[in-house]
Amino acid sequence: MEVTEVKVRKIFSEGPMRAIVSITFDNELALHDVKIVSSGDKTFVVMPAKKNPNGEFRDIVHPINSRARVAIESAVISAYKKFLEENPDAEASTVPAEI
């Protein structure tokens, strides 16, 4: 499975959350509400989750192995950095969707 597209949907300028993105796999499957979070000097990807009745969060979808996680995280963070380079004046806002 290959990440064929990453769309930055929303940018945040405050707090640890940096962006919300959508990922397309093999030009056939879309995954929405993936978060990019920054903590200290580390930036990482957080998969969509829902809150259980007991208050704990549980991933709705997640990579099964480290190879898949690294591939997804690398593609998402690279696309985010490219977006920031191409849009240096990007502020906390919703990015127009191309749907």
N, C-alpha and C. Protein backbone atom coordinates (compact mmCIF):
# COMPACT_ATOMS: atom_id res chain seq x y z
N MET A 1 0.86 -1.17 0.00
CA MET A 1 0.00 0.00 0.00
C MET A 1 0.90 1.23 0.00
N GLU A 2 0.52 2.21 -0.79
CA GLU A 2 1.32 3.42 -0.96
C GLU A 2 0.48 4.67 -0.66
N VAL A 3 1.10 5.63 0.03
CA VAL A 3 0.45 6.92 0.25
C VAL A 3 0.59 7.68 -1.06
N THR A 4 -0.54 7.96 -1.70
CA THR A 4 -0.50 8.64 -3.00
C THR A 4 -0.81 10.12 -2.91
N GLU A 5 -1.38 10.57 -1.78
CA GLU A 5 -1.65 12.00 -1.62
C GLU A 5 -1.87 12.32 -0.15
N VAL A 6 -1.42 13.51 0.24
CA VAL A 6 -1.69 14.04 1.57
C VAL A 6 -2.20 15.45 1.37
N LYS A 7 -3.40 15.74 1.88
CA LYS A 7 -3.98 17.08 1.78
C LYS A 7 -4.02 17.71 3.16
N VAL A 8 -3.42 18.89 3.28
CA VAL A 8 -3.47 19.62 4.54
C VAL A 8 -4.83 20.30 4.58
N ARG A 9 -5.63 20.01 5.61
CA ARG A 9 -6.98 20.54 5.72
C ARG A 9 -7.09 21.74 6.64
N LYS A 10 -6.30 21.72 7.72
CA LYS A 10 -6.37 22.81 8.68
C LYS A 10 -5.01 22.97 9.35
N ILE A 11 -4.63 24.22 9.59
CA ILE A 11 -3.37 24.56 10.23
C ILE A 11 -3.65 25.21 11.59
N PHE A 12 -2.83 24.90 12.58
CA PHE A 12 -2.95 25.50 13.91
C PHE A 12 -1.64 26.19 14.25
N SER A 13 -1.71 27.41 14.77
CA SER A 13 -0.50 28.13 15.12
C SER A 13 -0.23 28.12 16.62
N GLU A 14 -1.19 27.67 17.43
CA GLU A 14 -1.01 27.61 18.87
C GLU A 14 -1.27 26.20 19.37
N GLY A 15 -0.60 25.85 20.45
CA GLY A 15 -0.78 24.53 21.03
C GLY A 15 0.05 23.48 20.31
N PRO A 16 0.01 22.25 20.77
CA PRO A 16 0.85 21.21 20.18
C PRO A 16 0.35 20.69 18.82
N MET A 17 -0.95 20.81 18.55
CA MET A 17 -1.45 20.33 17.26
C MET A 17 -1.05 21.31 16.17
N ARG A 18 -0.45 20.81 15.12
CA ARG A 18 0.03 21.64 14.02
C ARG A 18 -0.90 21.63 12.82
N ALA A 19 -1.52 20.49 12.54
CA ALA A 19 -2.38 20.41 11.35
C ALA A 19 -3.28 19.19 11.43
N ILE A 20 -4.32 19.25 10.59
CA ILE A 20 -5.17 18.09 10.34
C ILE A 20 -5.08 17.82 8.85
N VAL A 21 -4.87 16.56 8.50
CA VAL A 21 -4.68 16.19 7.10
C VAL A 21 -5.58 15.02 6.72
N SER A 22 -5.71 14.83 5.41
CA SER A 22 -6.35 13.64 4.85
C SER A 22 -5.30 12.91 4.04
N ILE A 23 -5.31 11.60 4.11
CA ILE A 23 -4.35 10.77 3.40
C ILE A 23 -5.10 9.90 2.40
N THR A 24 -4.56 9.78 1.19
CA THR A 24 -5.12 8.87 0.19
C THR A 24 -4.11 7.74 -0.03
N PHE A 25 -4.60 6.51 -0.03
CA PHE A 25 -3.78 5.33 -0.26
C PHE A 25 -4.12 4.73 -1.61
N ASP A 26 -3.11 4.47 -2.41
CA ASP A 26 -3.27 3.81 -3.72
C ASP A 26 -4.33 4.46 -4.60
N ASN A 27 -4.54 5.76 -4.43
CA ASN A 27 -5.57 6.48 -5.19
C ASN A 27 -6.95 5.83 -5.06
N GLU A 28 -7.17 5.10 -3.97
CA GLU A 28 -8.43 4.37 -3.82
C GLU A 28 -9.10 4.51 -2.47
N LEU A 29 -8.35 4.83 -1.42
CA LEU A 29 -8.89 4.86 -0.07
C LEU A 29 -8.44 6.14 0.63
N ALA A 30 -9.40 6.89 1.20
CA ALA A 30 -9.07 8.14 1.90
C ALA A 30 -9.25 7.96 3.40
N LEU A 31 -8.32 8.54 4.14
CA LEU A 31 -8.38 8.54 5.60
C LEU A 31 -8.34 9.99 6.05
N HIS A 32 -9.38 10.43 6.76
CA HIS A 32 -9.51 11.82 7.18
C HIS A 32 -9.20 11.99 8.66
N ASP A 33 -9.02 13.24 9.06
CA ASP A 33 -8.82 13.62 10.46
C ASP A 33 -7.56 13.05 11.09
N VAL A 34 -6.50 12.95 10.32
CA VAL A 34 -5.20 12.55 10.84
C VAL A 34 -4.54 13.83 11.36
N LYS A 35 -4.00 13.77 12.56
CA LYS A 35 -3.43 14.97 13.19
C LYS A 35 -1.91 14.94 13.15
N ILE A 36 -1.32 16.13 12.97
CA ILE A 36 0.11 16.29 13.10
C ILE A 36 0.33 17.05 14.40
N VAL A 37 1.13 16.47 15.30
CA VAL A 37 1.36 17.04 16.62
C VAL A 37 2.85 17.26 16.81
N SER A 38 3.18 18.36 17.46
CA SER A 38 4.57 18.67 17.75
C SER A 38 4.74 18.74 19.26
N SER A 39 5.76 18.05 19.75
CA SER A 39 6.05 18.05 21.18
C SER A 39 7.56 18.18 21.34
N GLY A 40 7.99 19.32 21.85
CA GLY A 40 9.43 19.56 21.95
C GLY A 40 10.03 19.63 20.57
N ASP A 41 11.01 18.78 20.30
CA ASP A 41 11.65 18.78 18.98
C ASP A 41 11.15 17.63 18.10
N LYS A 42 10.09 16.94 18.53
CA LYS A 42 9.55 15.80 17.78
C LYS A 42 8.19 16.15 17.18
N THR A 43 8.03 15.81 15.93
CA THR A 43 6.74 15.95 15.26
C THR A 43 6.28 14.54 14.89
N PHE A 44 5.02 14.24 15.18
CA PHE A 44 4.52 12.90 14.90
C PHE A 44 3.07 12.95 14.43
N VAL A 45 2.59 11.81 13.97
CA VAL A 45 1.26 11.68 13.41
C VAL A 45 0.37 10.93 14.40
N VAL A 46 -0.86 11.44 14.58
CA VAL A 46 -1.83 10.81 15.46
C VAL A 46 -3.03 10.38 14.61
N MET A 47 -3.35 9.11 14.67
CA MET A 47 -4.44 8.57 13.88
C MET A 47 -5.80 8.99 14.45
N PRO A 48 -6.85 8.97 13.63
CA PRO A 48 -8.19 9.31 14.12
C PRO A 48 -8.59 8.38 15.26
N ALA A 49 -9.26 8.94 16.25
CA ALA A 49 -9.67 8.15 17.41
C ALA A 49 -11.06 8.60 17.86
N LYS A 50 -11.69 7.75 18.65
CA LYS A 50 -12.97 8.11 19.24
C LYS A 50 -12.87 7.89 20.74
N LYS A 51 -13.68 8.61 21.47
CA LYS A 51 -13.68 8.51 22.93
C LYS A 51 -14.69 7.45 23.36
N ASN A 52 -14.23 6.48 24.13
CA ASN A 52 -15.10 5.44 24.65
C ASN A 52 -15.92 5.98 25.82
N PRO A 53 -17.00 5.30 26.19
CA PRO A 53 -17.80 5.76 27.33
C PRO A 53 -17.00 5.91 28.63
N ASN A 54 -15.90 5.16 28.77
CA ASN A 54 -15.09 5.25 29.99
C ASN A 54 -14.08 6.41 29.93
N GLY A 55 -14.12 7.19 28.84
CA GLY A 55 -13.26 8.37 28.73
C GLY A 55 -11.93 8.13 28.05
N GLU A 56 -11.61 6.89 27.73
CA GLU A 56 -10.36 6.59 27.04
C GLU A 56 -10.55 6.74 25.53
N PHE A 57 -9.46 7.13 24.86
CA PHE A 57 -9.50 7.23 23.41
C PHE A 57 -8.99 5.95 22.79
N ARG A 58 -9.62 5.57 21.67
CA ARG A 58 -9.22 4.36 20.95
C ARG A 58 -9.10 4.70 19.48
N ASP A 59 -7.97 4.30 18.87
CA ASP A 59 -7.78 4.55 17.44
C ASP A 59 -8.89 3.89 16.64
N ILE A 60 -9.37 4.60 15.63
CA ILE A 60 -10.35 4.05 14.71
C ILE A 60 -9.62 3.22 13.65
N VAL A 61 -8.45 3.69 13.28
CA VAL A 61 -7.60 3.02 12.30
C VAL A 61 -6.15 3.25 12.73
N HIS A 62 -5.29 2.29 12.45
CA HIS A 62 -3.88 2.46 12.79
C HIS A 62 -3.04 1.47 12.00
N PRO A 63 -1.76 1.79 11.78
CA PRO A 63 -0.87 0.85 11.10
C PRO A 63 -0.66 -0.39 11.97
N ILE A 64 -0.53 -1.52 11.34
CA ILE A 64 -0.35 -2.78 12.05
C ILE A 64 1.11 -3.01 12.42
N ASN A 65 2.04 -2.50 11.60
CA ASN A 65 3.45 -2.74 11.88
C ASN A 65 4.26 -1.44 11.77
N SER A 66 5.48 -1.49 12.24
CA SER A 66 6.32 -0.28 12.26
C SER A 66 6.68 0.20 10.86
N ARG A 67 6.82 -0.72 9.91
CA ARG A 67 7.14 -0.33 8.53
C ARG A 67 6.04 0.55 7.97
N ALA A 68 4.79 0.17 8.18
CA ALA A 68 3.66 0.96 7.69
C ALA A 68 3.58 2.30 8.42
N ARG A 69 3.80 2.29 9.74
CA ARG A 69 3.76 3.54 10.52
C ARG A 69 4.82 4.52 10.03
N VAL A 70 6.03 4.03 9.81
CA VAL A 70 7.12 4.90 9.33
C VAL A 70 6.79 5.46 7.95
N ALA A 71 6.26 4.64 7.07
CA ALA A 71 5.91 5.09 5.72
C ALA A 71 4.83 6.18 5.76
N ILE A 72 3.81 5.96 6.57
CA ILE A 72 2.72 6.95 6.67
C ILE A 72 3.23 8.23 7.31
N GLU A 73 3.94 8.10 8.43
CA GLU A 73 4.44 9.28 9.13
C GLU A 73 5.39 10.09 8.26
N SER A 74 6.25 9.43 7.55
CA SER A 74 7.20 10.10 6.67
C SER A 74 6.48 10.87 5.56
N ALA A 75 5.51 10.24 4.92
CA ALA A 75 4.76 10.88 3.84
C ALA A 75 3.97 12.09 4.35
N VAL A 76 3.35 11.93 5.51
CA VAL A 76 2.51 13.01 6.07
C VAL A 76 3.37 14.19 6.50
N ILE A 77 4.44 13.94 7.22
CA ILE A 77 5.28 15.04 7.70
C ILE A 77 5.99 15.73 6.54
N SER A 78 6.41 14.98 5.54
CA SER A 78 7.03 15.59 4.35
C SER A 78 6.04 16.50 3.62
N ALA A 79 4.80 16.03 3.46
CA ALA A 79 3.78 16.83 2.78
C ALA A 79 3.47 18.09 3.59
N TYR A 80 3.43 17.98 4.90
CA TYR A 80 3.17 19.13 5.78
C TYR A 80 4.29 20.15 5.65
N LYS A 81 5.54 19.70 5.69
CA LYS A 81 6.68 20.63 5.56
C LYS A 81 6.67 21.30 4.19
N LYS A 82 6.35 20.54 3.15
CA LYS A 82 6.27 21.11 1.80
C LYS A 82 5.17 22.17 1.74
N PHE A 83 4.02 21.88 2.35
CA PHE A 83 2.92 22.84 2.39
C PHE A 83 3.38 24.14 3.05
N LEU A 84 4.08 24.03 4.18
CA LEU A 84 4.55 25.22 4.89
C LEU A 84 5.56 26.01 4.06
N GLU A 85 6.43 25.30 3.34
CA GLU A 85 7.41 25.98 2.47
C GLU A 85 6.71 26.73 1.34
N GLU A 86 5.67 26.13 0.78
CA GLU A 86 4.95 26.74 -0.34
C GLU A 86 3.97 27.81 0.11
N ASN A 87 3.63 27.83 1.39
CA ASN A 87 2.66 28.78 1.94
C ASN A 87 3.25 29.42 3.20
N PRO A 88 4.30 30.24 3.05
CA PRO A 88 4.98 30.79 4.23
C PRO A 88 4.09 31.69 5.08
N ASP A 89 3.04 32.24 4.51
CA ASP A 89 2.15 33.12 5.25
C ASP A 89 0.92 32.38 5.79
N ALA A 90 0.95 31.04 5.75
CA ALA A 90 -0.20 30.26 6.23
C ALA A 90 -0.44 30.55 7.70
N GLU A 91 -1.66 30.89 8.01
CA GLU A 91 -2.06 31.15 9.38
C GLU A 91 -2.99 30.05 9.84
N ALA A 92 -3.32 30.07 11.11
CA ALA A 92 -4.28 29.09 11.62
C ALA A 92 -5.58 29.28 10.87
N SER A 93 -5.89 28.37 10.02
CA SER A 93 -7.09 28.49 9.22
C SER A 93 -7.44 27.16 8.58
N THR A 94 -8.61 27.13 8.05
CA THR A 94 -9.02 25.99 7.27
C THR A 94 -8.52 26.19 5.85
N VAL A 95 -7.86 25.19 5.33
CA VAL A 95 -7.33 25.24 3.98
C VAL A 95 -8.46 24.85 3.04
N PRO A 96 -8.69 25.60 1.97
CA PRO A 96 -9.77 25.24 1.05
C PRO A 96 -9.64 23.81 0.55
N ALA A 97 -10.69 23.08 0.66
CA ALA A 97 -10.69 21.68 0.21
C ALA A 97 -10.84 21.63 -1.30
N GLU A 98 -10.24 20.60 -1.88
CA GLU A 98 -10.32 20.39 -3.33
C GLU A 98 -11.24 19.22 -3.62
N ILE A 99 -12.40 19.22 -3.02
CA ILE A 99 -13.32 18.08 -3.19
C ILE A 99 -14.36 18.44 -4.23
